[in-house]
Amino acid sequence: MLDLSKKLIAIPSENPPGNRYEDCIQILLEELRRLGFDGVRCEGLCVLGSVGRGPRTLYFSGHYDVVPAQSLDQFQPRVEGANLFGRGSSDMKSGLAAMIHAAAAARDEGTLECGRVGIVLVPDEETAGPYGSRDLDARGLLGQDAIGMLTPEPTGGVIWNANRGAISLRASLRGKAAHVGRQFEGVNAFERALPAVIRLAEIKQEVETRETQHNIAPRAARKSILLLGGRVEAGTNFNVTPDSFSFTIDRRINPEEDLREEMRRLLDALDDGFEVETLQEESSAATPATDPLGAVLSRHITSVTGKEAAFEMCPGLLETRFYAAKGIPAFSYGPGLLSVSHGPNEFVPIRNIVDTAVIYALTAAEVLG
């Protein structure tokens, strides 16, 4: 598992823009074939395979793309003490290694008598999945005969059974440039945008009084989210009226909120001549913590690690949403740590990779045995 993790980390599969996907695909295909998986193939840029017998399928799904690195050194995997460092070590190339070897172990121990483990390896998770899970769904291949889905995201010891939805917009206005001394000849795009920004600020104030009933720590993280101006661009110089102004809006939806209604409110606030580009429009999702698959997963986490795993809502998007939308129980648990994922010193405790593989294998054995 450590060798596979290192091979994958060494490939700069950064997304955006989507670099070196084919190199990742080749390594993953080789590993599945080496381990004797059935039906190993590519569907678009997704890698599929399975072990076991019968139609009932527990899916182990993960993504091989990573966020852009802060330096090229991050693509040189290294072991320091008990940890594996490198871009994607935590999110989530070590998780891919764990779930692949877990499925092979469950098969080799003869535990898959009443179903299969389906392996799904996808790109584009970091950009909402257009060539990954979304593409599989469009092809009619996502979640066939599923009894559940697990994904090894960097959960840091908890189980994510829910995720927020996302509305991400870029709003732009046009103006006309003019020298500051003759600004009356120009049109100030920034000033034109101010009434809409004020309306959005009022929506933000109301939105962030709402709290989810799903478990998430700390208490402040329960509040719904509206981030204004994550990226802002305007004008050419301090002494020229800005001939353009654009800013982003990032609205994160709790499962209790309605995606369409929240989108409508934002667009209504931007009705004064804005050009609006939708960057993301993704639903929230949740699987009850009481679901039998969640209970089995939780019990084996305790048996392997000695610690009880709380069920929490992920603060961002999860691939589980594609499965939950079809009524398939879906949970996230993995070896990585969210606190270091995407950062300059990303790492994963090697022990966590082993533990996650054992937990996934035991879970598969129980629900498919």
Protein backbone atom coordinates (compact mmCIF):
# COMPACT_ATOMS: atom_id res chain seq x y z
CA MET A 1 0.00 0.00 0.00
CA LEU A 2 2.86 2.34 0.79
CA ASP A 3 4.51 1.62 -2.57
CA LEU A 4 1.26 2.30 -4.46
CA SER A 5 0.69 5.51 -2.51
CA LYS A 6 4.19 6.72 -3.39
CA LYS A 7 3.75 5.92 -7.08
CA LEU A 8 0.51 7.88 -7.19
CA ILE A 9 1.87 10.86 -5.21
CA ALA A 10 4.79 11.13 -7.66
CA ILE A 11 2.32 11.91 -10.48
CA PRO A 12 1.29 15.61 -10.47
CA SER A 13 -2.37 14.98 -11.27
CA GLU A 14 -3.29 18.57 -10.41
CA ASN A 15 -6.84 19.73 -10.92
CA PRO A 16 -7.30 22.32 -12.17
CA PRO A 17 -6.30 21.93 -14.95
CA GLY A 18 -6.36 18.12 -14.97
CA ASN A 19 -2.69 17.18 -15.48
CA ARG A 20 -1.29 13.68 -16.01
CA TYR A 21 -4.56 11.81 -15.60
CA GLU A 22 -3.48 9.14 -18.07
CA ASP A 23 -0.37 8.36 -15.99
CA CYS A 24 -2.50 7.80 -12.88
CA ILE A 25 -4.90 5.65 -14.87
CA GLN A 26 -2.06 3.43 -16.09
CA ILE A 27 -0.72 2.79 -12.58
CA LEU A 28 -4.19 2.05 -11.22
CA LEU A 29 -5.01 -0.34 -14.07
CA GLU A 30 -1.71 -2.16 -13.55
CA GLU A 31 -2.34 -2.52 -9.82
CA LEU A 32 -5.88 -3.84 -10.22
CA ARG A 33 -4.73 -6.35 -12.83
CA ARG A 34 -1.74 -7.40 -10.73
CA LEU A 35 -4.07 -8.10 -7.81
CA GLY A 36 -6.45 -10.10 -10.02
CA PHE A 37 -9.52 -7.86 -10.01
CA ASP A 38 -12.37 -8.72 -12.36
CA GLY A 39 -13.71 -6.51 -15.15
CA VAL A 40 -10.83 -4.04 -14.98
CA ARG A 41 -11.43 -1.30 -17.53
CA CYS A 42 -11.67 2.41 -18.24
CA GLU A 43 -14.93 4.23 -18.75
CA GLY A 44 -13.86 7.63 -19.99
CA LEU A 45 -11.26 8.74 -17.43
CA CYS A 46 -12.65 6.49 -14.69
CA VAL A 47 -11.09 3.15 -13.71
CA LEU A 48 -13.42 0.32 -12.69
CA GLY A 49 -12.98 -3.19 -11.36
CA SER A 50 -14.48 -5.62 -8.86
CA VAL A 51 -13.93 -8.67 -6.67
CA GLY A 52 -16.48 -11.15 -5.35
CA ARG A 53 -19.58 -12.88 -6.68
CA GLY A 54 -23.19 -11.89 -7.23
CA PRO A 55 -24.87 -8.61 -8.11
CA ARG A 56 -25.08 -7.00 -4.62
CA THR A 57 -22.30 -4.41 -4.68
CA LEU A 58 -20.57 -2.39 -2.00
CA TYR A 59 -18.69 0.38 -3.77
CA PHE A 60 -15.29 1.65 -2.67
CA SER A 61 -14.92 4.92 -4.58
CA GLY A 62 -12.12 7.49 -4.56
CA HIS A 63 -10.51 10.22 -6.64
CA TYR A 64 -7.00 10.39 -8.05
CA ASP A 65 -6.86 14.13 -8.81
CA VAL A 66 -5.28 16.54 -6.34
CA VAL A 67 -5.35 20.29 -5.79
CA PRO A 68 -2.40 22.23 -7.26
CA ALA A 69 0.80 21.98 -5.23
CA GLN A 70 2.56 24.89 -3.54
CA SER A 71 5.91 23.54 -4.82
CA LEU A 72 7.13 20.74 -7.09
CA ASP A 73 8.82 19.11 -4.09
CA GLN A 74 5.39 17.95 -2.98
CA PHE A 75 5.41 15.41 -5.81
CA GLN A 76 8.49 13.72 -4.33
CA PRO A 77 6.96 11.35 -1.77
CA ARG A 78 8.99 10.87 1.37
CA VAL A 79 8.65 8.93 4.59
CA GLU A 80 9.63 10.76 7.75
CA GLY A 81 9.21 8.74 10.90
CA ALA A 82 5.66 7.39 10.99
CA ASN A 83 4.30 9.65 8.25
CA LEU A 84 4.15 9.73 4.45
CA PHE A 85 4.48 13.24 3.00
CA GLY A 86 3.50 14.57 -0.43
CA ARG A 87 0.65 16.16 -2.37
CA GLY A 88 -2.28 13.77 -2.27
CA SER A 89 -0.89 11.69 0.60
CA SER A 90 -3.85 12.69 2.76
CA ASP A 91 -6.38 13.65 0.07
CA MET A 92 -6.58 10.92 -1.04
CA LYS A 93 -4.05 8.74 -2.82
CA SER A 94 -3.23 6.75 0.32
CA GLY A 95 -6.96 6.16 0.65
CA LEU A 96 -7.04 4.66 -2.85
CA ALA A 97 -4.25 2.26 -1.89
CA ALA A 98 -6.07 1.28 1.31
CA MET A 99 -9.42 0.59 -0.36
CA ILE A 100 -7.92 -1.36 -3.29
CA HIS A 101 -5.93 -3.64 -1.00
CA ALA A 102 -8.87 -3.96 1.40
CA ALA A 103 -11.03 -5.32 -1.41
CA ALA A 104 -8.29 -7.76 -2.45
CA ALA A 105 -7.85 -8.93 1.15
CA ALA A 106 -11.60 -9.47 1.63
CA ARG A 107 -11.61 -11.64 -1.50
CA ASP A 108 -8.46 -13.57 -0.55
CA GLU A 109 -9.94 -14.39 2.86
CA GLY A 110 -13.01 -15.86 1.18
CA THR A 111 -15.43 -13.43 2.79
CA LEU A 112 -17.28 -12.17 -0.30
CA GLU A 113 -19.84 -14.96 -0.63
CA CYS A 114 -22.94 -12.81 -1.14
CA GLY A 115 -21.81 -9.94 -3.33
CA ARG A 116 -19.02 -7.86 -4.77
CA VAL A 117 -16.81 -4.93 -3.88
CA GLY A 118 -16.85 -2.51 -6.82
CA ILE A 119 -13.79 -0.31 -7.19
CA VAL A 120 -14.40 3.14 -8.70
CA LEU A 121 -11.43 5.45 -9.29
CA VAL A 122 -12.36 8.86 -10.66
CA PRO A 123 -10.82 12.22 -11.62
CA ASP A 124 -12.18 15.73 -11.20
CA GLU A 125 -13.45 15.47 -7.63
CA GLU A 126 -11.70 18.75 -6.84
CA THR A 127 -13.80 20.48 -9.51
CA ALA A 128 -17.19 18.88 -8.82
CA GLY A 129 -16.75 15.75 -10.95
CA PRO A 130 -17.51 16.56 -14.62
CA TYR A 131 -15.31 13.71 -15.93
CA GLY A 132 -15.61 11.58 -12.80
CA SER A 133 -18.70 10.48 -10.87
CA ARG A 134 -20.94 12.84 -12.83
CA ASP A 135 -19.80 11.25 -16.09
CA LEU A 136 -20.39 7.73 -14.74
CA ASP A 137 -23.85 8.81 -13.67
CA ALA A 138 -24.59 10.17 -17.15
CA ARG A 139 -23.46 6.84 -18.64
CA GLY A 140 -25.81 4.92 -16.33
CA LEU A 141 -22.87 3.23 -14.60
CA LEU A 142 -22.95 4.86 -11.18
CA GLY A 143 -24.17 2.72 -8.31
CA GLN A 144 -25.45 -0.27 -10.28
CA ASP A 145 -26.81 -2.95 -7.88
CA ALA A 146 -25.45 -0.92 -4.96
CA ILE A 147 -26.07 -1.76 -1.32
CA GLY A 148 -23.76 1.04 -0.20
CA MET A 149 -20.73 3.20 -0.90
CA LEU A 150 -17.61 4.13 1.07
CA THR A 151 -15.02 6.74 0.12
CA PRO A 152 -11.69 7.28 1.93
CA GLU A 153 -11.68 11.06 2.23
CA PRO A 154 -9.42 12.59 4.91
CA THR A 155 -11.96 12.51 7.74
CA GLY A 156 -9.46 12.63 10.62
CA GLY A 157 -11.03 9.79 12.58
CA VAL A 158 -14.70 10.70 12.20
CA ILE A 159 -17.30 9.39 9.74
CA TRP A 160 -18.85 11.90 7.36
CA ASN A 161 -22.46 10.93 6.71
CA ALA A 162 -23.57 14.28 5.24
CA ASN A 163 -22.18 17.14 3.22
CA ARG A 164 -23.06 20.71 2.38
CA GLY A 165 -24.21 21.74 -1.05
CA ALA A 166 -22.52 24.54 -2.97
CA ILE A 167 -23.51 27.49 -5.15
CA SER A 168 -20.44 29.27 -6.51
CA LEU A 169 -20.94 32.25 -8.81
CA ARG A 170 -18.82 34.87 -10.55
CA ALA A 171 -20.69 38.14 -11.07
CA SER A 172 -19.32 40.72 -13.53
CA LEU A 173 -20.30 44.26 -14.56
CA ARG A 174 -19.07 46.38 -17.44
CA GLY A 175 -18.18 50.06 -17.23
CA LYS A 176 -16.16 52.58 -19.22
CA ALA A 177 -12.60 53.67 -18.50
CA ALA A 178 -11.72 57.35 -18.08
CA HIS A 179 -8.92 59.37 -16.43
CA VAL A 180 -9.74 60.26 -12.84
CA GLY A 181 -9.64 63.95 -13.74
CA ARG A 182 -12.45 63.37 -16.26
CA GLN A 183 -14.26 60.55 -14.49
CA PHE A 184 -17.56 62.07 -15.60
CA GLU A 185 -16.76 60.67 -19.06
CA GLY A 186 -16.44 57.13 -17.71
CA VAL A 187 -18.71 54.58 -16.07
CA ASN A 188 -17.41 53.22 -12.76
CA ALA A 189 -18.17 49.49 -12.78
CA PHE A 190 -17.22 49.14 -9.11
CA GLU A 191 -19.67 51.81 -7.99
CA ARG A 192 -22.39 50.30 -10.18
CA ALA A 193 -21.97 47.02 -8.30
CA LEU A 194 -22.27 48.46 -4.78
CA PRO A 195 -26.09 48.24 -4.42
CA ALA A 196 -26.01 44.54 -5.31
CA VAL A 197 -23.12 43.92 -2.91
CA ILE A 198 -25.13 45.57 -0.14
CA ARG A 199 -28.12 43.34 -0.93
CA LEU A 200 -25.90 40.27 -0.82
CA ALA A 201 -24.41 41.40 2.50
CA GLU A 202 -27.94 41.57 3.92
CA ILE A 203 -28.62 38.02 2.67
CA LYS A 204 -25.34 36.89 4.24
CA GLN A 205 -26.35 38.35 7.60
CA GLU A 206 -29.62 36.41 7.57
CA VAL A 207 -28.15 33.19 6.16
CA GLU A 208 -25.48 32.95 8.83
CA THR A 209 -28.06 32.90 11.61
CA ARG A 210 -29.17 29.45 10.40
CA GLU A 211 -27.72 26.28 11.94
CA THR A 212 -27.75 22.69 10.74
CA GLN A 213 -29.08 19.95 12.99
CA HIS A 214 -26.34 17.62 11.73
CA ASN A 215 -23.38 17.04 13.99
CA ILE A 216 -20.30 19.14 13.13
CA ALA A 217 -17.61 20.63 15.36
CA PRO A 218 -17.00 23.27 16.56
CA ARG A 219 -20.40 24.88 17.20
CA ALA A 220 -19.56 27.82 14.89
CA ALA A 221 -19.24 25.37 11.97
CA ARG A 222 -22.97 24.56 12.23
CA LYS A 223 -23.90 27.92 10.70
CA SER A 224 -24.81 28.18 7.05
CA ILE A 225 -22.26 29.98 4.86
CA LEU A 226 -22.13 32.83 2.36
CA LEU A 227 -18.65 34.03 1.39
CA LEU A 228 -18.48 37.25 -0.62
CA GLY A 229 -15.44 38.32 -2.62
CA GLY A 230 -13.29 35.23 -2.41
CA ARG A 231 -11.85 36.57 -5.65
CA VAL A 232 -12.26 40.19 -6.77
CA GLU A 233 -10.98 41.89 -9.93
CA ALA A 234 -11.47 45.48 -11.14
CA GLY A 235 -9.93 48.21 -13.25
CA THR A 236 -6.38 48.84 -14.42
CA ASN A 237 -4.98 51.55 -12.11
CA PHE A 238 -5.85 53.75 -9.12
CA ASN A 239 -6.34 56.83 -11.34
CA VAL A 240 -8.66 55.26 -13.93
CA THR A 241 -12.36 54.59 -13.53
CA PRO A 242 -12.71 50.79 -13.57
CA ASP A 243 -14.21 49.56 -16.83
CA SER A 244 -14.99 46.17 -15.30
CA PHE A 245 -15.65 44.68 -11.90
CA SER A 246 -16.15 41.05 -10.94
CA PHE A 247 -16.38 39.15 -7.68
CA THR A 248 -17.23 35.65 -6.53
CA ILE A 249 -20.00 34.43 -4.26
CA ASP A 250 -19.65 31.07 -2.50
CA ARG A 251 -22.82 29.83 -0.81
CA ARG A 252 -22.55 26.58 1.16
CA ILE A 253 -25.94 24.99 1.77
CA ASN A 254 -26.80 22.93 4.83
CA PRO A 255 -28.88 19.80 4.15
CA GLU A 256 -31.97 21.46 5.63
CA GLU A 257 -31.88 24.26 3.01
CA ASP A 258 -33.29 24.27 -0.53
CA LEU A 259 -30.70 24.65 -3.29
CA ARG A 260 -33.08 26.20 -5.85
CA GLU A 261 -34.46 28.74 -3.40
CA GLU A 262 -30.99 29.85 -2.32
CA MET A 263 -29.88 30.18 -5.95
CA ARG A 264 -32.97 32.28 -6.71
CA ARG A 265 -32.21 34.66 -3.85
CA LEU A 266 -28.67 35.24 -5.06
CA LEU A 267 -29.69 35.80 -8.68
CA ASP A 268 -32.44 38.21 -7.63
CA ALA A 269 -29.81 40.28 -5.82
CA LEU A 270 -27.76 40.43 -9.04
CA ASP A 271 -30.48 41.64 -11.41
CA ASP A 272 -28.88 45.02 -12.25
CA GLY A 273 -27.10 44.13 -15.48
CA PHE A 274 -24.65 41.57 -14.09
CA GLU A 275 -23.24 38.76 -16.16
CA VAL A 276 -23.36 35.72 -13.87
CA GLU A 277 -21.25 32.61 -14.38
CA THR A 278 -22.14 29.51 -12.38
CA LEU A 279 -18.97 27.81 -11.17
CA GLN A 280 -20.69 25.20 -9.00
CA GLU A 281 -24.28 24.20 -8.32
CA GLU A 282 -24.22 21.06 -6.19
CA SER A 283 -26.78 19.61 -3.81
CA SER A 284 -26.23 18.73 -0.18
CA ALA A 285 -26.69 15.09 0.82
CA ALA A 286 -27.10 13.00 3.94
CA THR A 287 -27.35 9.35 4.96
CA PRO A 288 -28.79 8.67 8.42
CA ALA A 289 -26.14 7.72 10.95
CA THR A 290 -28.47 4.89 11.97
CA ASP A 291 -28.19 3.20 8.56
CA PRO A 292 -26.97 -0.43 8.91
CA LEU A 293 -23.87 0.21 6.76
CA GLY A 294 -22.91 3.11 9.01
CA ALA A 295 -23.35 0.92 12.08
CA VAL A 296 -21.10 -1.80 10.64
CA LEU A 297 -18.44 0.72 9.59
CA SER A 298 -18.52 2.41 13.01
CA ARG A 299 -18.21 -0.89 14.88
CA HIS A 300 -15.14 -1.92 12.89
CA ILE A 301 -13.49 1.47 13.33
CA THR A 302 -13.82 0.93 17.08
CA SER A 303 -12.57 -2.66 16.90
CA VAL A 304 -9.47 -1.67 14.90
CA THR A 305 -8.55 1.71 16.40
CA GLY A 306 -9.99 1.39 19.89
CA LYS A 307 -11.83 4.68 19.44
CA GLU A 308 -15.46 5.43 18.73
CA ALA A 309 -16.00 7.41 15.54
CA ALA A 310 -18.52 10.24 15.67
CA PHE A 311 -20.78 10.87 12.69
CA GLU A 312 -20.36 14.41 11.36
CA MET A 313 -21.29 16.56 8.40
CA CYS A 314 -18.42 17.36 6.03
CA PRO A 315 -17.94 21.14 5.73
CA GLY A 316 -17.57 20.86 1.95
CA LEU A 317 -18.76 18.72 -0.96
CA LEU A 318 -18.43 14.93 -1.03
CA GLU A 319 -18.72 12.33 -3.79
CA THR A 320 -21.21 10.57 -1.52
CA ARG A 321 -23.84 12.99 -2.85
CA PHE A 322 -24.01 11.20 -6.20
CA TYR A 323 -24.90 7.93 -4.45
CA ALA A 324 -27.14 9.41 -1.74
CA ALA A 325 -29.20 11.09 -4.48
CA LYS A 326 -30.06 7.57 -5.68
CA GLY A 327 -31.02 6.41 -2.21
CA ILE A 328 -27.76 4.49 -1.74
CA PRO A 329 -26.27 4.68 1.78
CA ALA A 330 -22.93 6.48 1.47
CA PHE A 331 -20.27 7.28 4.05
CA SER A 332 -16.80 8.76 4.07
CA TYR A 333 -13.94 7.52 6.25
CA GLY A 334 -10.27 7.60 5.36
CA PRO A 335 -6.70 7.64 6.63
CA GLY A 336 -5.95 11.32 5.99
CA LEU A 337 -6.32 14.47 8.04
CA LEU A 338 -8.43 17.35 6.76
CA SER A 339 -6.27 19.78 8.76
CA VAL A 340 -3.23 19.17 6.51
CA SER A 341 -4.94 18.33 3.22
CA HIS A 342 -4.36 20.88 0.43
CA GLY A 343 -1.57 22.46 2.51
CA PRO A 344 2.19 22.78 1.88
CA ASN A 345 3.09 19.99 4.35
CA GLU A 346 0.42 17.43 3.51
CA PHE A 347 1.01 14.04 5.12
CA VAL A 348 -0.75 10.90 6.27
CA PRO A 349 0.15 8.67 9.24
CA ILE A 350 1.18 5.34 7.71
CA ARG A 351 -0.58 3.45 10.49
CA ASN A 352 -3.84 5.08 9.39
CA ILE A 353 -3.47 3.60 5.90
CA VAL A 354 -3.20 0.11 7.36
CA ASP A 355 -6.06 0.66 9.80
CA THR A 356 -8.34 1.98 7.05
CA ALA A 357 -7.62 -1.05 4.86
CA VAL A 358 -8.49 -3.42 7.70
CA ILE A 359 -11.67 -1.47 8.52
CA TYR A 360 -12.83 -1.50 4.89
CA ALA A 361 -12.05 -5.22 4.53
CA LEU A 362 -13.94 -6.12 7.71
CA THR A 363 -16.90 -3.95 6.70
CA ALA A 364 -17.07 -5.62 3.28
CA ALA A 365 -16.78 -9.06 4.86
CA GLU A 366 -19.71 -8.39 7.18
CA VAL A 367 -22.14 -6.85 4.68
CA LEU A 368 -21.25 -9.23 1.82
CA GLY A 369 -20.32 -12.38 3.73
